[in-house]
Amino acid sequence: MVGKTKGFTLIELVIVIAIIGILAAVAIPKFISLSSNAQTAATTAVAGALSAANANNYAARSLNSSFGSAVANCTDIGTLLQGTLPTGYTITPTDVAVGATVSCTLTGPGSTTANFIATGIS
């Protein structure tokens, strides 16, 4: 009786390595695309939060000047968020006149950009 050898042959191992290589070659470009899509979505979400904070601040400040904060520049909106503007994000400074509405630009990770609205109030 001859004993059976257990294990994989060399050709089986080479085929498995080739299949893994092909899968990696296909998956890596898709992963890179997903990363940039996620960065764009995150920047858009932060810009939406800034717009909501601006609207909330404008309504509160219009009701009573002791509520909310004055807004004279797009960068003032960043201070309206609970906490602060997340790290990695910057707001392009733009003056906002009282009662005027201005489109401001937020720059996020990977140089992604999104716009949000700032309304000036004293």
PDB file of N, CA and C in Angstrom:
ATOM      1  N   MET A   1       0.820  -1.154   0.000  1.00  0.00           N
ATOM      2  CA  MET A   1       0.000   0.000   0.000  1.00  0.00           C
ATOM      3  C   MET A   1       0.886   1.246   0.000  1.00  0.00           C
ATOM      4  N   VAL A   2       0.658   2.086  -0.978  1.00  0.00           N
ATOM      5  CA  VAL A   2       1.444   3.309  -1.101  1.00  0.00           C
ATOM      6  C   VAL A   2       0.664   4.434  -0.433  1.00  0.00           C
ATOM      7  N   GLY A   3       1.356   5.214   0.411  1.00  0.00           N
ATOM      8  CA  GLY A   3       0.703   6.325   1.097  1.00  0.00           C
ATOM      9  C   GLY A   3       0.430   7.487   0.141  1.00  0.00           C
ATOM     10  N   LYS A   4      -0.698   8.183   0.344  1.00  0.00           N
ATOM     11  CA  LYS A   4      -1.056   9.329  -0.489  1.00  0.00           C
ATOM     12  C   LYS A   4      -0.361  10.575   0.028  1.00  0.00           C
ATOM     13  N   THR A   5       0.211  11.362  -0.877  1.00  0.00           N
ATOM     14  CA  THR A   5       0.838  12.617  -0.506  1.00  0.00           C
ATOM     15  C   THR A   5      -0.227  13.696  -0.481  1.00  0.00           C
ATOM     16  N   LYS A   6      -0.252  14.465   0.599  1.00  0.00           N
ATOM     17  CA  LYS A   6      -1.228  15.531   0.711  1.00  0.00           C
ATOM     18  C   LYS A   6      -0.573  16.847   0.322  1.00  0.00           C
ATOM     19  N   GLY A   7      -1.386  17.761  -0.237  1.00  0.00           N
ATOM     20  CA  GLY A   7      -0.875  19.077  -0.599  1.00  0.00           C
ATOM     21  C   GLY A   7      -1.297  19.461  -2.008  1.00  0.00           C
ATOM     22  N   PHE A   8      -0.806  20.610  -2.452  1.00  0.00           N
ATOM     23  CA  PHE A   8      -1.144  21.138  -3.767  1.00  0.00           C
ATOM     24  C   PHE A   8       0.044  20.963  -4.702  1.00  0.00           C
ATOM     25  N   THR A   9      -0.255  20.805  -5.961  1.00  0.00           N
ATOM     26  CA  THR A   9       0.823  20.725  -6.944  1.00  0.00           C
ATOM     27  C   THR A   9       1.275  22.138  -7.282  1.00  0.00           C
ATOM     28  N   LEU A  10       2.441  22.243  -7.880  1.00  0.00           N
ATOM     29  CA  LEU A  10       2.983  23.544  -8.254  1.00  0.00           C
ATOM     30  C   LEU A  10       2.075  24.264  -9.236  1.00  0.00           C
ATOM     31  N   ILE A  11       1.514  23.552 -10.194  1.00  0.00           N
ATOM     32  CA  ILE A  11       0.653  24.196 -11.199  1.00  0.00           C
ATOM     33  C   ILE A  11      -0.615  24.747 -10.549  1.00  0.00           C
ATOM     34  N   GLU A  12      -1.164  24.055  -9.551  1.00  0.00           N
ATOM     35  CA  GLU A  12      -2.338  24.571  -8.854  1.00  0.00           C
ATOM     36  C   GLU A  12      -2.013  25.870  -8.117  1.00  0.00           C
ATOM     37  N   LEU A  13      -0.878  25.923  -7.469  1.00  0.00           N
ATOM     38  CA  LEU A  13      -0.471  27.143  -6.771  1.00  0.00           C
ATOM     39  C   LEU A  13      -0.240  28.304  -7.737  1.00  0.00           C
ATOM     40  N   VAL A  14       0.378  28.033  -8.879  1.00  0.00           N
ATOM     41  CA  VAL A  14       0.622  29.084  -9.877  1.00  0.00           C
ATOM     42  C   VAL A  14      -0.705  29.620 -10.410  1.00  0.00           C
ATOM     43  N   ILE A  15      -1.676  28.748 -10.648  1.00  0.00           N
ATOM     44  CA  ILE A  15      -2.981  29.180 -11.161  1.00  0.00           C
ATOM     45  C   ILE A  15      -3.686  30.053 -10.129  1.00  0.00           C
ATOM     46  N   VAL A  16      -3.640  29.669  -8.864  1.00  0.00           N
ATOM     47  CA  VAL A  16      -4.278  30.462  -7.811  1.00  0.00           C
ATOM     48  C   VAL A  16      -3.619  31.840  -7.709  1.00  0.00           C
ATOM     49  N   ILE A  17      -2.305  31.906  -7.760  1.00  0.00           N
ATOM     50  CA  ILE A  17      -1.598  33.189  -7.705  1.00  0.00           C
ATOM     51  C   ILE A  17      -1.946  34.055  -8.907  1.00  0.00           C
ATOM     52  N   ALA A  18      -2.071  33.455 -10.078  1.00  0.00           N
ATOM     53  CA  ALA A  18      -2.448  34.211 -11.282  1.00  0.00           C
ATOM     54  C   ALA A  18      -3.861  34.782 -11.143  1.00  0.00           C
ATOM     55  N   ILE A  19      -4.777  33.997 -10.612  1.00  0.00           N
ATOM     56  CA  ILE A  19      -6.155  34.471 -10.427  1.00  0.00           C
ATOM     57  C   ILE A  19      -6.186  35.623  -9.422  1.00  0.00           C
ATOM     58  N   ILE A  20      -5.445  35.505  -8.334  1.00  0.00           N
ATOM     59  CA  ILE A  20      -5.393  36.587  -7.349  1.00  0.00           C
ATOM     60  C   ILE A  20      -4.801  37.853  -7.968  1.00  0.00           C
ATOM     61  N   GLY A  21      -3.774  37.705  -8.791  1.00  0.00           N
ATOM     62  CA  GLY A  21      -3.182  38.857  -9.478  1.00  0.00           C
ATOM     63  C   GLY A  21      -4.164  39.551 -10.401  1.00  0.00           C
ATOM     64  N   ILE A  22      -4.937  38.771 -11.131  1.00  0.00           N
ATOM     65  CA  ILE A  22      -5.933  39.352 -12.050  1.00  0.00           C
ATOM     66  C   ILE A  22      -7.016  40.085 -11.254  1.00  0.00           C
ATOM     67  N   LEU A  23      -7.488  39.476 -10.176  1.00  0.00           N
ATOM     68  CA  LEU A  23      -8.502  40.135  -9.343  1.00  0.00           C
ATOM     69  C   LEU A  23      -7.977  41.437  -8.744  1.00  0.00           C
ATOM     70  N   ALA A  24      -6.733  41.436  -8.310  1.00  0.00           N
ATOM     71  CA  ALA A  24      -6.142  42.656  -7.748  1.00  0.00           C
ATOM     72  C   ALA A  24      -6.015  43.740  -8.811  1.00  0.00           C
ATOM     73  N   ALA A  25      -5.632  43.353 -10.016  1.00  0.00           N
ATOM     74  CA  ALA A  25      -5.486  44.332 -11.096  1.00  0.00           C
ATOM     75  C   ALA A  25      -6.819  44.970 -11.456  1.00  0.00           C
ATOM     76  N   VAL A  26      -7.899  44.237 -11.305  1.00  0.00           N
ATOM     77  CA  VAL A  26      -9.229  44.765 -11.605  1.00  0.00           C
ATOM     78  C   VAL A  26      -9.754  45.586 -10.426  1.00  0.00           C
ATOM     79  N   ALA A  27      -9.489  45.176  -9.202  1.00  0.00           N
ATOM     80  CA  ALA A  27     -10.070  45.814  -8.024  1.00  0.00           C
ATOM     81  C   ALA A  27      -9.399  47.129  -7.648  1.00  0.00           C
ATOM     82  N   ILE A  28      -8.110  47.256  -7.828  1.00  0.00           N
ATOM     83  CA  ILE A  28      -7.393  48.460  -7.383  1.00  0.00           C
ATOM     84  C   ILE A  28      -7.902  49.733  -8.075  1.00  0.00           C
ATOM     85  N   PRO A  29      -8.076  49.760  -9.402  1.00  0.00           N
ATOM     86  CA  PRO A  29      -8.616  50.993 -10.010  1.00  0.00           C
ATOM     87  C   PRO A  29     -10.022  51.338  -9.509  1.00  0.00           C
ATOM     88  N   LYS A  30     -10.845  50.333  -9.242  1.00  0.00           N
ATOM     89  CA  LYS A  30     -12.187  50.610  -8.723  1.00  0.00           C
ATOM     90  C   LYS A  30     -12.106  51.181  -7.315  1.00  0.00           C
ATOM     91  N   PHE A  31     -11.176  50.694  -6.507  1.00  0.00           N
ATOM     92  CA  PHE A  31     -11.005  51.207  -5.155  1.00  0.00           C
ATOM     93  C   PHE A  31     -10.552  52.664  -5.182  1.00  0.00           C
ATOM     94  N   ILE A  32      -9.650  53.007  -6.081  1.00  0.00           N
ATOM     95  CA  ILE A  32      -9.174  54.384  -6.197  1.00  0.00           C
ATOM     96  C   ILE A  32     -10.325  55.303  -6.583  1.00  0.00           C
ATOM     97  N   SER A  33     -11.173  54.838  -7.495  1.00  0.00           N
ATOM     98  CA  SER A  33     -12.331  55.627  -7.906  1.00  0.00           C
ATOM     99  C   SER A  33     -13.296  55.805  -6.734  1.00  0.00           C
ATOM    100  N   LEU A  34     -13.479  54.765  -5.947  1.00  0.00           N
ATOM    101  CA  LEU A  34     -14.368  54.864  -4.792  1.00  0.00           C
ATOM    102  C   LEU A  34     -13.838  55.863  -3.774  1.00  0.00           C
ATOM    103  N   SER A  35     -12.530  55.913  -3.605  1.00  0.00           N
ATOM    104  CA  SER A  35     -11.939  56.853  -2.648  1.00  0.00           C
ATOM    105  C   SER A  35     -12.215  58.293  -3.061  1.00  0.00           C
ATOM    106  N   SER A  36     -12.039  58.607  -4.330  1.00  0.00           N
ATOM    107  CA  SER A  36     -12.298  59.981  -4.776  1.00  0.00           C
ATOM    108  C   SER A  36     -13.785  60.310  -4.696  1.00  0.00           C
ATOM    109  N   ASN A  37     -14.642  59.335  -4.977  1.00  0.00           N
ATOM    110  CA  ASN A  37     -16.092  59.563  -4.834  1.00  0.00           C
ATOM    111  C   ASN A  37     -16.460  59.821  -3.386  1.00  0.00           C
ATOM    112  N   ALA A  38     -15.827  59.095  -2.467  1.00  0.00           N
ATOM    113  CA  ALA A  38     -16.104  59.290  -1.040  1.00  0.00           C
ATOM    114  C   ALA A  38     -15.640  60.672  -0.579  1.00  0.00           C
ATOM    115  N   GLN A  39     -14.488  61.128  -1.065  1.00  0.00           N
ATOM    116  CA  GLN A  39     -13.995  62.456  -0.697  1.00  0.00           C
ATOM    117  C   GLN A  39     -14.937  63.540  -1.204  1.00  0.00           C
ATOM    118  N   THR A  40     -15.420  63.385  -2.427  1.00  0.00           N
ATOM    119  CA  THR A  40     -16.366  64.355  -2.990  1.00  0.00           C
ATOM    120  C   THR A  40     -17.665  64.368  -2.185  1.00  0.00           C
ATOM    121  N   ALA A  41     -18.163  63.186  -1.830  1.00  0.00           N
ATOM    122  CA  ALA A  41     -19.404  63.102  -1.055  1.00  0.00           C
ATOM    123  C   ALA A  41     -19.227  63.715   0.334  1.00  0.00           C
ATOM    124  N   ALA A  42     -18.085  63.494   0.952  1.00  0.00           N
ATOM    125  CA  ALA A  42     -17.838  64.062   2.281  1.00  0.00           C
ATOM    126  C   ALA A  42     -17.783  65.587   2.220  1.00  0.00           C
ATOM    127  N   THR A  43     -17.129  66.122   1.197  1.00  0.00           N
ATOM    128  CA  THR A  43     -17.048  67.575   1.049  1.00  0.00           C
ATOM    129  C   THR A  43     -18.435  68.168   0.801  1.00  0.00           C
ATOM    130  N   THR A  44     -19.234  67.508  -0.018  1.00  0.00           N
ATOM    131  CA  THR A  44     -20.595  67.966  -0.281  1.00  0.00           C
ATOM    132  C   THR A  44     -21.433  67.925   0.994  1.00  0.00           C
ATOM    133  N   ALA A  45     -21.245  66.899   1.815  1.00  0.00           N
ATOM    134  CA  ALA A  45     -21.997  66.786   3.070  1.00  0.00           C
ATOM    135  C   ALA A  45     -21.617  67.907   4.041  1.00  0.00           C
ATOM    136  N   VAL A  46     -20.342  68.218   4.146  1.00  0.00           N
ATOM    137  CA  VAL A  46     -19.915  69.303   5.033  1.00  0.00           C
ATOM    138  C   VAL A  46     -20.464  70.638   4.520  1.00  0.00           C
ATOM    139  N   ALA A  47     -20.470  70.835   3.197  1.00  0.00           N
ATOM    140  CA  ALA A  47     -21.033  72.062   2.631  1.00  0.00           C
ATOM    141  C   ALA A  47     -22.528  72.161   2.943  1.00  0.00           C
ATOM    142  N   GLY A  48     -23.228  71.042   2.908  1.00  0.00           N
ATOM    143  CA  GLY A  48     -24.649  71.037   3.274  1.00  0.00           C
ATOM    144  C   GLY A  48     -24.854  71.411   4.735  1.00  0.00           C
ATOM    145  N   ALA A  49     -23.981  70.908   5.594  1.00  0.00           N
ATOM    146  CA  ALA A  49     -24.056  71.253   7.021  1.00  0.00           C
ATOM    147  C   ALA A  49     -23.798  72.746   7.226  1.00  0.00           C
ATOM    148  N   LEU A  50     -22.867  73.305   6.455  1.00  0.00           N
ATOM    149  CA  LEU A  50     -22.587  74.743   6.553  1.00  0.00           C
ATOM    150  C   LEU A  50     -23.791  75.565   6.096  1.00  0.00           C
ATOM    151  N   SER A  51     -24.453  75.139   5.020  1.00  0.00           N
ATOM    152  CA  SER A  51     -25.653  75.845   4.552  1.00  0.00           C
ATOM    153  C   SER A  51     -26.759  75.792   5.603  1.00  0.00           C
ATOM    154  N   ALA A  52     -26.937  74.618   6.219  1.00  0.00           N
ATOM    155  CA  ALA A  52     -27.964  74.482   7.258  1.00  0.00           C
ATOM    156  C   ALA A  52     -27.632  75.349   8.474  1.00  0.00           C
ATOM    157  N   ALA A  53     -26.361  75.379   8.858  1.00  0.00           N
ATOM    158  CA  ALA A  53     -25.943  76.211   9.992  1.00  0.00           C
ATOM    159  C   ALA A  53     -26.181  77.683   9.685  1.00  0.00           C
ATOM    160  N   ASN A  54     -25.925  78.078   8.431  1.00  0.00           N
ATOM    161  CA  ASN A  54     -26.159  79.463   8.021  1.00  0.00           C
ATOM    162  C   ASN A  54     -27.643  79.816   8.123  1.00  0.00           C
ATOM    163  N   ALA A  55     -28.508  78.945   7.624  1.00  0.00           N
ATOM    164  CA  ALA A  55     -29.949  79.214   7.660  1.00  0.00           C
ATOM    165  C   ALA A  55     -30.452  79.288   9.097  1.00  0.00           C
ATOM    166  N   ASN A  56     -29.984  78.372   9.937  1.00  0.00           N
ATOM    167  CA  ASN A  56     -30.387  78.368  11.339  1.00  0.00           C
ATOM    168  C   ASN A  56     -29.916  79.646  12.044  1.00  0.00           C
ATOM    169  N   ASN A  57     -28.672  80.038  11.785  1.00  0.00           N
ATOM    170  CA  ASN A  57     -28.119  81.244  12.392  1.00  0.00           C
ATOM    171  C   ASN A  57     -28.886  82.485  11.933  1.00  0.00           C
ATOM    172  N   TYR A  58     -29.192  82.558  10.641  1.00  0.00           N
ATOM    173  CA  TYR A  58     -29.903  83.731  10.105  1.00  0.00           C
ATOM    174  C   TYR A  58     -31.285  83.854  10.744  1.00  0.00           C
ATOM    175  N   ALA A  59     -31.978  82.712  10.868  1.00  0.00           N
ATOM    176  CA  ALA A  59     -33.311  82.753  11.478  1.00  0.00           C
ATOM    177  C   ALA A  59     -33.230  83.174  12.940  1.00  0.00           C
ATOM    178  N   ALA A  60     -32.277  82.626  13.683  1.00  0.00           N
ATOM    179  CA  ALA A  60     -32.146  82.962  15.105  1.00  0.00           C
ATOM    180  C   ALA A  60     -31.738  84.415  15.296  1.00  0.00           C
ATOM    181  N   ARG A  61     -30.798  84.877  14.480  1.00  0.00           N
ATOM    182  CA  ARG A  61     -30.293  86.254  14.620  1.00  0.00           C
ATOM    183  C   ARG A  61     -31.356  87.266  14.186  1.00  0.00           C
ATOM    184  N   SER A  62     -32.183  86.888  13.194  1.00  0.00           N
ATOM    185  CA  SER A  62     -33.263  87.782  12.761  1.00  0.00           C
ATOM    186  C   SER A  62     -34.317  87.923  13.851  1.00  0.00           C
ATOM    187  N   LEU A  63     -34.521  86.870  14.613  1.00  0.00           N
ATOM    188  CA  LEU A  63     -35.490  86.878  15.694  1.00  0.00           C
ATOM    189  C   LEU A  63     -35.026  87.763  16.840  1.00  0.00           C
ATOM    190  N   ASN A  64     -33.752  87.618  17.212  1.00  0.00           N
ATOM    191  CA  ASN A  64     -33.213  88.378  18.342  1.00  0.00           C
ATOM    192  C   ASN A  64     -31.703  88.489  18.135  1.00  0.00           C
ATOM    193  N   SER A  65     -31.184  89.708  18.148  1.00  0.00           N
ATOM    194  CA  SER A  65     -29.764  89.911  17.844  1.00  0.00           C
ATOM    195  C   SER A  65     -28.823  89.316  18.899  1.00  0.00           C
ATOM    196  N   SER A  66     -29.367  88.886  20.035  1.00  0.00           N
ATOM    197  CA  SER A  66     -28.503  88.244  21.030  1.00  0.00           C
ATOM    198  C   SER A  66     -28.311  86.757  20.728  1.00  0.00           C
ATOM    199  N   PHE A  67     -29.090  86.225  19.780  1.00  0.00           N
ATOM    200  CA  PHE A  67     -28.948  84.824  19.371  1.00  0.00           C
ATOM    201  C   PHE A  67     -28.001  84.740  18.184  1.00  0.00           C
ATOM    202  N   GLY A  68     -27.375  83.613  18.012  1.00  0.00           N
ATOM    203  CA  GLY A  68     -26.539  83.383  16.835  1.00  0.00           C
ATOM    204  C   GLY A  68     -25.309  84.257  16.799  1.00  0.00           C
ATOM    205  N   SER A  69     -24.730  84.352  15.608  1.00  0.00           N
ATOM    206  CA  SER A  69     -23.496  85.121  15.400  1.00  0.00           C
ATOM    207  C   SER A  69     -23.628  85.994  14.170  1.00  0.00           C
ATOM    208  N   ALA A  70     -22.894  87.100  14.177  1.00  0.00           N
ATOM    209  CA  ALA A  70     -22.857  87.960  12.994  1.00  0.00           C
ATOM    210  C   ALA A  70     -22.072  87.250  11.893  1.00  0.00           C
ATOM    211  N   VAL A  71     -22.507  87.453  10.648  1.00  0.00           N
ATOM    212  CA  VAL A  71     -21.813  86.859   9.500  1.00  0.00           C
ATOM    213  C   VAL A  71     -21.446  87.975   8.535  1.00  0.00           C
ATOM    214  N   ALA A  72     -20.139  88.207   8.369  1.00  0.00           N
ATOM    215  CA  ALA A  72     -19.654  89.227   7.438  1.00  0.00           C
ATOM    216  C   ALA A  72     -18.700  88.633   6.411  1.00  0.00           C
ATOM    217  N   ASN A  73     -18.363  87.350   6.576  1.00  0.00           N
ATOM    218  CA  ASN A  73     -17.438  86.678   5.670  1.00  0.00           C
ATOM    219  C   ASN A  73     -17.827  85.199   5.628  1.00  0.00           C
ATOM    220  N   CYS A  74     -17.545  84.554   4.522  1.00  0.00           N
ATOM    221  CA  CYS A  74     -17.865  83.135   4.391  1.00  0.00           C
ATOM    222  C   CYS A  74     -17.208  82.299   5.481  1.00  0.00           C
ATOM    223  N   THR A  75     -16.025  82.693   5.922  1.00  0.00           N
ATOM    224  CA  THR A  75     -15.320  81.926   6.953  1.00  0.00           C
ATOM    225  C   THR A  75     -16.054  81.960   8.291  1.00  0.00           C
ATOM    226  N   ASP A  76     -16.928  82.964   8.501  1.00  0.00           N
ATOM    227  CA  ASP A  76     -17.692  83.037   9.748  1.00  0.00           C
ATOM    228  C   ASP A  76     -18.656  81.860   9.878  1.00  0.00           C
ATOM    229  N   ILE A  77     -19.074  81.287   8.766  1.00  0.00           N
ATOM    230  CA  ILE A  77     -20.025  80.169   8.796  1.00  0.00           C
ATOM    231  C   ILE A  77     -19.377  78.945   9.445  1.00  0.00           C
ATOM    232  N   GLY A  78     -18.081  78.768   9.250  1.00  0.00           N
ATOM    233  CA  GLY A  78     -17.385  77.620   9.843  1.00  0.00           C
ATOM    234  C   GLY A  78     -17.482  77.586  11.357  1.00  0.00           C
ATOM    235  N   THR A  79     -17.581  78.753  11.983  1.00  0.00           N
ATOM    236  CA  THR A  79     -17.676  78.811  13.450  1.00  0.00           C
ATOM    237  C   THR A  79     -19.079  78.465  13.942  1.00  0.00           C
ATOM    238  N   LEU A  80     -20.041  78.414  13.034  1.00  0.00           N
ATOM    239  CA  LEU A  80     -21.417  78.117  13.433  1.00  0.00           C
ATOM    240  C   LEU A  80     -21.666  76.626  13.619  1.00  0.00           C
ATOM    241  N   LEU A  81     -20.773  75.805  13.077  1.00  0.00           N
ATOM    242  CA  LEU A  81     -20.924  74.366  13.250  1.00  0.00           C
ATOM    243  C   LEU A  81     -20.667  73.988  14.704  1.00  0.00           C
ATOM    244  N   GLN A  82     -21.350  72.953  15.162  1.00  0.00           N
ATOM    245  CA  GLN A  82     -21.087  72.476  16.515  1.00  0.00           C
ATOM    246  C   GLN A  82     -19.656  71.967  16.558  1.00  0.00           C
ATOM    247  N   GLY A  83     -18.881  72.445  17.497  1.00  0.00           N
ATOM    248  CA  GLY A  83     -17.455  72.137  17.503  1.00  0.00           C
ATOM    249  C   GLY A  83     -16.754  73.129  16.608  1.00  0.00           C
ATOM    250  N   THR A  84     -16.288  72.666  15.475  1.00  0.00           N
ATOM    251  CA  THR A  84     -15.602  73.524  14.519  1.00  0.00           C
ATOM    252  C   THR A  84     -15.611  72.860  13.155  1.00  0.00           C
ATOM    253  N   LEU A  85     -15.054  73.539  12.187  1.00  0.00           N
ATOM    254  CA  LEU A  85     -14.925  72.970  10.854  1.00  0.00           C
ATOM    255  C   LEU A  85     -13.997  71.758  10.928  1.00  0.00           C
ATOM    256  N   PRO A  86     -14.372  70.608  10.337  1.00  0.00           N
ATOM    257  CA  PRO A  86     -13.511  69.427  10.426  1.00  0.00           C
ATOM    258  C   PRO A  86     -12.118  69.695   9.852  1.00  0.00           C
ATOM    259  N   THR A  87     -11.128  69.006  10.371  1.00  0.00           N
ATOM    260  CA  THR A  87      -9.766  69.171   9.863  1.00  0.00           C
ATOM    261  C   THR A  87      -9.706  68.701   8.419  1.00  0.00           C
ATOM    262  N   GLY A  88      -8.895  69.388   7.637  1.00  0.00           N
ATOM    263  CA  GLY A  88      -8.752  69.050   6.219  1.00  0.00           C
ATOM    264  C   GLY A  88      -9.666  69.850   5.317  1.00  0.00           C
ATOM    265  N   TYR A  89     -10.508  70.696   5.888  1.00  0.00           N
ATOM    266  CA  TYR A  89     -11.438  71.513   5.110  1.00  0.00           C
ATOM    267  C   TYR A  89     -11.107  72.996   5.299  1.00  0.00           C
ATOM    268  N   THR A  90     -11.201  73.753   4.216  1.00  0.00           N
ATOM    269  CA  THR A  90     -10.982  75.199   4.289  1.00  0.00           C
ATOM    270  C   THR A  90     -12.085  75.910   3.526  1.00  0.00           C
ATOM    271  N   ILE A  91     -12.413  77.104   3.994  1.00  0.00           N
ATOM    272  CA  ILE A  91     -13.421  77.947   3.343  1.00  0.00           C
ATOM    273  C   ILE A  91     -12.705  79.120   2.706  1.00  0.00           C
ATOM    274  N   THR A  92     -12.994  79.370   1.443  1.00  0.00           N
ATOM    275  CA  THR A  92     -12.402  80.505   0.749  1.00  0.00           C
ATOM    276  C   THR A  92     -13.000  81.792   1.307  1.00  0.00           C
ATOM    277  N   PRO A  93     -12.162  82.705   1.824  1.00  0.00           N
ATOM    278  CA  PRO A  93     -12.689  83.952   2.394  1.00  0.00           C
ATOM    279  C   PRO A  93     -13.372  84.814   1.327  1.00  0.00           C
ATOM    280  N   THR A  94     -14.603  85.197   1.580  1.00  0.00           N
ATOM    281  CA  THR A  94     -15.366  86.081   0.702  1.00  0.00           C
ATOM    282  C   THR A  94     -16.237  86.960   1.587  1.00  0.00           C
ATOM    283  N   ASP A  95     -16.218  88.268   1.345  1.00  0.00           N
ATOM    284  CA  ASP A  95     -17.037  89.187   2.134  1.00  0.00           C
ATOM    285  C   ASP A  95     -18.513  88.994   1.809  1.00  0.00           C
ATOM    286  N   VAL A  96     -19.340  89.147   2.848  1.00  0.00           N
ATOM    287  CA  VAL A  96     -20.790  89.020   2.701  1.00  0.00           C
ATOM    288  C   VAL A  96     -21.419  90.279   3.303  1.00  0.00           C
ATOM    289  N   ALA A  97     -22.116  91.046   2.485  1.00  0.00           N
ATOM    290  CA  ALA A  97     -22.785  92.252   2.978  1.00  0.00           C
ATOM    291  C   ALA A  97     -24.035  91.860   3.757  1.00  0.00           C
ATOM    292  N   VAL A  98     -24.446  92.720   4.673  1.00  0.00           N
ATOM    293  CA  VAL A  98     -25.636  92.461   5.487  1.00  0.00           C
ATOM    294  C   VAL A  98     -26.843  92.324   4.558  1.00  0.00           C
ATOM    295  N   GLY A  99     -27.589  91.255   4.726  1.00  0.00           N
ATOM    296  CA  GLY A  99     -28.773  91.004   3.910  1.00  0.00           C
ATOM    297  C   GLY A  99     -28.484  90.360   2.561  1.00  0.00           C
ATOM    298  N   ALA A 100     -27.225  90.266   2.186  1.00  0.00           N
ATOM    299  CA  ALA A 100     -26.863  89.673   0.892  1.00  0.00           C
ATOM    300  C   ALA A 100     -26.618  88.172   1.049  1.00  0.00           C
ATOM    301  N   THR A 101     -26.847  87.459  -0.027  1.00  0.00           N
ATOM    302  CA  THR A 101     -26.583  86.022  -0.070  1.00  0.00           C
ATOM    303  C   THR A 101     -25.453  85.783  -1.055  1.00  0.00           C
ATOM    304  N   VAL A 102     -24.441  85.035  -0.614  1.00  0.00           N
ATOM    305  CA  VAL A 102     -23.249  84.799  -1.421  1.00  0.00           C
ATOM    306  C   VAL A 102     -22.988  83.301  -1.485  1.00  0.00           C
ATOM    307  N   SER A 103     -22.521  82.823  -2.633  1.00  0.00           N
ATOM    308  CA  SER A 103     -22.104  81.432  -2.769  1.00  0.00           C
ATOM    309  C   SER A 103     -20.644  81.329  -2.348  1.00  0.00           C
ATOM    310  N   CYS A 104     -20.370  80.491  -1.368  1.00  0.00           N
ATOM    311  CA  CYS A 104     -19.015  80.321  -0.835  1.00  0.00           C
ATOM    312  C   CYS A 104     -18.467  78.963  -1.255  1.00  0.00           C
ATOM    313  N   THR A 105     -17.151  78.842  -1.276  1.00  0.00           N
ATOM    314  CA  THR A 105     -16.505  77.604  -1.704  1.00  0.00           C
ATOM    315  C   THR A 105     -15.802  76.926  -0.535  1.00  0.00           C
ATOM    316  N   LEU A 106     -16.086  75.642  -0.390  1.00  0.00           N
ATOM    317  CA  LEU A 106     -15.438  74.793   0.606  1.00  0.00           C
ATOM    318  C   LEU A 106     -14.496  73.852  -0.124  1.00  0.00           C
ATOM    319  N   THR A 107     -13.251  73.768   0.341  1.00  0.00           N
ATOM    320  CA  THR A 107     -12.282  72.837  -0.234  1.00  0.00           C
ATOM    321  C   THR A 107     -12.005  71.754   0.787  1.00  0.00           C
ATOM    322  N   GLY A 108     -12.094  70.495   0.335  1.00  0.00           N
ATOM    323  CA  GLY A 108     -11.931  69.359   1.237  1.00  0.00           C
ATOM    324  C   GLY A 108     -10.777  68.471   0.840  1.00  0.00           C
ATOM    325  N   PRO A 109     -10.755  67.254   1.366  1.00  0.00           N
ATOM    326  CA  PRO A 109      -9.672  66.314   1.076  1.00  0.00           C
ATOM    327  C   PRO A 109      -9.569  66.021  -0.416  1.00  0.00           C
ATOM    328  N   GLY A 110      -8.356  65.851  -0.892  1.00  0.00           N
ATOM    329  CA  GLY A 110      -8.153  65.571  -2.316  1.00  0.00           C
ATOM    330  C   GLY A 110      -8.501  66.741  -3.204  1.00  0.00           C
ATOM    331  N   SER A 111      -8.482  67.943  -2.659  1.00  0.00           N
ATOM    332  CA  SER A 111      -8.812  69.174  -3.392  1.00  0.00           C
ATOM    333  C   SER A 111     -10.229  69.160  -3.958  1.00  0.00           C
ATOM    334  N   THR A 112     -11.132  68.407  -3.330  1.00  0.00           N
ATOM    335  CA  THR A 112     -12.524  68.414  -3.762  1.00  0.00           C
ATOM    336  C   THR A 112     -13.164  69.722  -3.295  1.00  0.00           C
ATOM    337  N   THR A 113     -14.094  70.228  -4.070  1.00  0.00           N
ATOM    338  CA  THR A 113     -14.765  71.486  -3.719  1.00  0.00           C
ATOM    339  C   THR A 113     -16.276  71.316  -3.752  1.00  0.00           C
ATOM    340  N   ALA A 114     -16.934  72.143  -2.955  1.00  0.00           N
ATOM    341  CA  ALA A 114     -18.397  72.204  -2.955  1.00  0.00           C
ATOM    342  C   ALA A 114     -18.775  73.621  -2.553  1.00  0.00           C
ATOM    343  N   ASN A 115     -19.946  74.035  -2.982  1.00  0.00           N
ATOM    344  CA  ASN A 115     -20.418  75.388  -2.672  1.00  0.00           C
ATOM    345  C   ASN A 115     -21.498  75.337  -1.605  1.00  0.00           C
ATOM    346  N   PHE A 116     -21.570  76.387  -0.828  1.00  0.00           N
ATOM    347  CA  PHE A 116     -22.650  76.555   0.154  1.00  0.00           C
ATOM    348  C   PHE A 116     -23.016  78.028   0.190  1.00  0.00           C
ATOM    349  N   ILE A 117     -24.152  78.329   0.791  1.00  0.00           N
ATOM    350  CA  ILE A 117     -24.682  79.693   0.808  1.00  0.00           C
ATOM    351  C   ILE A 117     -24.410  80.346   2.158  1.00  0.00           C
ATOM    352  N   ALA A 118     -23.993  81.594   2.106  1.00  0.00           N
ATOM    353  CA  ALA A 118     -23.816  82.400   3.315  1.00  0.00           C
ATOM    354  C   ALA A 118     -24.699  83.646   3.172  1.00  0.00           C
ATOM    355  N   THR A 119     -25.412  83.974   4.223  1.00  0.00           N
ATOM    356  CA  THR A 119     -26.263  85.168   4.237  1.00  0.00           C
ATOM    357  C   THR A 119     -25.724  86.105   5.307  1.00  0.00           C
ATOM    358  N   GLY A 120     -25.395  87.320   4.890  1.00  0.00           N
ATOM    359  CA  GLY A 120     -24.834  88.293   5.823  1.00  0.00           C
ATOM    360  C   GLY A 120     -25.855  88.827   6.797  1.00  0.00           C
ATOM    361  N   ILE A 121     -25.461  88.919   8.041  1.00  0.00           N
ATOM    362  CA  ILE A 121     -26.326  89.483   9.072  1.00  0.00           C
ATOM    363  C   ILE A 121     -25.426  90.086  10.146  1.00  0.00           C
ATOM    364  N   SER A 122     -25.898  91.211  10.708  1.00  0.00           N
ATOM    365  CA  SER A 122     -25.069  91.863  11.747  1.00  0.00           C
ATOM    366  C   SER A 122     -25.523  91.474  13.127  1.00  0.00           C
TER     367      SER A 122
END
